[in-house]
Amino acid sequence: MLISIVLFLVLQLIGEALSYGFGWPIPGPVLGMIFLLIGFLVKDDLIERVRLTASVLLAHLALLFVPAGVGIVRHWDRISAEWVAIAAILVIGTAITMVVTALVIQWSAKLMGVDDDD
């Protein structure tokens, strides 16, 4: 498990360094996960090597939301002042995501020749 955790942290560190160094708007952890995906595609046994660690992390996923909750409490004044804009963006963003997802599913089904009468 220790090697898997080190792998996750090193990939996140590389992502953070690239994001900060080049001024990219993509968060370092997201870049790290992209690098992990590339690693899965390149090295077949990597998934099995990190499966146990990933399962343990997913089992305790709720703990990873604690920093986000602290951030909300810390910035409560700003959130309460701008709640209308935040709520509108959440609703509009969710609607856009749902429409784009539906269109991509329809396009993919058409591309693969899947009949929707099944």
Protein backbone atom coordinates (compact mmCIF):
# COMPACT_ATOMS: atom_id res chain seq x y z
CA MET A 1 0.00 0.00 0.00
CA LEU A 2 2.83 2.37 0.78
CA ILE A 3 4.18 2.20 -2.75
CA SER A 4 0.74 2.97 -4.18
CA ILE A 5 0.31 5.97 -1.89
CA VAL A 6 3.76 7.22 -2.85
CA LEU A 7 2.81 6.79 -6.53
CA PHE A 8 -0.38 8.82 -6.02
CA LEU A 9 1.48 11.57 -4.19
CA VAL A 10 4.33 11.71 -6.70
CA LEU A 11 1.88 12.00 -9.60
CA GLN A 12 0.02 14.74 -7.74
CA LEU A 13 3.31 16.51 -7.05
CA ILE A 14 4.26 16.35 -10.72
CA GLY A 15 0.81 17.68 -11.63
CA GLU A 16 1.10 20.51 -9.11
CA ALA A 17 4.59 21.42 -10.36
CA LEU A 18 3.43 21.52 -13.97
CA SER A 19 0.26 23.43 -13.14
CA TYR A 20 2.09 25.99 -11.04
CA GLY A 21 5.18 26.17 -13.24
CA PHE A 22 3.32 26.73 -16.50
CA GLY A 23 0.43 28.68 -14.96
CA TRP A 24 -2.13 26.18 -16.26
CA PRO A 25 -5.70 26.53 -14.99
CA ILE A 26 -5.92 22.75 -14.43
CA PRO A 27 -5.44 21.71 -10.78
CA GLY A 28 -2.38 19.59 -10.03
CA PRO A 29 -4.38 16.64 -8.64
CA VAL A 30 -6.38 16.49 -11.88
CA LEU A 31 -3.16 16.39 -13.89
CA GLY A 32 -1.90 13.68 -11.53
CA MET A 33 -5.01 11.60 -12.19
CA ILE A 34 -4.52 12.05 -15.94
CA PHE A 35 -0.95 10.80 -15.53
CA LEU A 36 -2.27 7.83 -13.53
CA LEU A 37 -4.72 7.05 -16.34
CA ILE A 38 -1.87 7.19 -18.83
CA GLY A 39 0.07 4.85 -16.55
CA PHE A 40 -2.87 2.42 -16.56
CA LEU A 41 -2.91 2.46 -20.35
CA VAL A 42 0.85 1.96 -20.64
CA LYS A 43 1.44 -0.59 -17.88
CA ASP A 44 -1.13 -3.38 -17.68
CA ASP A 45 -0.41 -4.57 -14.12
CA LEU A 46 -0.52 -1.09 -12.57
CA ILE A 47 -4.26 -1.34 -11.90
CA GLU A 48 -3.79 -4.48 -9.83
CA ARG A 49 -0.92 -2.88 -7.92
CA VAL A 50 -3.03 0.11 -6.79
CA ARG A 51 -6.43 -1.64 -6.48
CA LEU A 52 -6.20 -2.32 -2.73
CA THR A 53 -5.02 1.18 -1.87
CA ALA A 54 -7.69 2.74 -4.07
CA SER A 55 -10.36 0.61 -2.40
CA VAL A 56 -9.26 1.73 1.06
CA LEU A 57 -9.22 5.38 -0.03
CA LEU A 58 -12.68 5.05 -1.56
CA ALA A 59 -13.99 3.41 1.61
CA HIS A 60 -12.89 6.49 3.56
CA LEU A 61 -13.86 9.04 0.90
CA ALA A 62 -16.09 10.96 3.30
CA LEU A 63 -13.00 12.07 5.23
CA LEU A 64 -11.69 13.77 2.11
CA PHE A 65 -14.68 16.13 2.16
CA VAL A 66 -13.69 17.58 5.55
CA PRO A 67 -11.32 20.20 4.01
CA ALA A 68 -14.09 21.31 1.65
CA GLY A 69 -16.46 21.69 4.61
CA VAL A 70 -13.88 23.72 6.48
CA GLY A 71 -13.47 25.95 3.42
CA ILE A 72 -17.21 26.54 3.29
CA VAL A 73 -17.33 27.48 6.96
CA ARG A 74 -14.27 29.70 6.61
CA HIS A 75 -15.74 31.62 3.67
CA TRP A 76 -19.34 31.63 4.90
CA ASP A 77 -19.60 35.43 4.75
CA ARG A 78 -18.74 35.49 1.07
CA ILE A 79 -20.98 32.53 0.29
CA SER A 80 -23.94 34.08 2.10
CA ALA A 81 -23.38 37.35 0.22
CA GLU A 82 -23.21 35.65 -3.18
CA TRP A 83 -25.55 32.69 -2.70
CA VAL A 84 -27.88 33.69 -5.54
CA ALA A 85 -25.08 33.69 -8.10
CA ILE A 86 -23.66 30.44 -6.72
CA ALA A 87 -27.07 28.74 -6.83
CA ALA A 88 -27.72 30.00 -10.37
CA ILE A 89 -24.34 28.74 -11.59
CA LEU A 90 -24.94 25.35 -9.97
CA VAL A 91 -28.36 24.98 -11.61
CA ILE A 92 -27.21 26.26 -15.02
CA GLY A 93 -24.02 24.20 -14.91
CA THR A 94 -25.95 21.06 -14.00
CA ALA A 95 -28.46 21.65 -16.80
CA ILE A 96 -25.70 22.21 -19.36
CA THR A 97 -23.91 19.07 -18.17
CA MET A 98 -27.09 17.01 -18.49
CA VAL A 99 -27.80 18.29 -22.02
CA VAL A 100 -24.23 17.73 -23.20
CA THR A 101 -24.20 14.24 -21.66
CA ALA A 102 -27.46 13.33 -23.40
CA LEU A 103 -26.16 14.62 -26.74
CA VAL A 104 -22.89 12.70 -26.37
CA ILE A 105 -24.79 9.51 -25.52
CA GLN A 106 -27.04 9.94 -28.56
CA TRP A 107 -24.04 10.69 -30.79
CA SER A 108 -22.14 7.69 -29.43
CA ALA A 109 -25.13 5.38 -29.91
CA LYS A 110 -25.55 6.58 -33.47
CA LEU A 111 -21.82 6.20 -34.13
CA MET A 112 -21.83 2.64 -32.78
CA GLY A 113 -25.06 1.76 -34.58
CA VAL A 114 -27.01 0.97 -31.42
CA ASP A 115 -30.75 0.74 -32.02
CA ASP A 116 -32.77 2.49 -29.32
CA ASP A 117 -35.76 0.14 -29.83
CA ASP A 118 -34.04 -2.59 -27.79
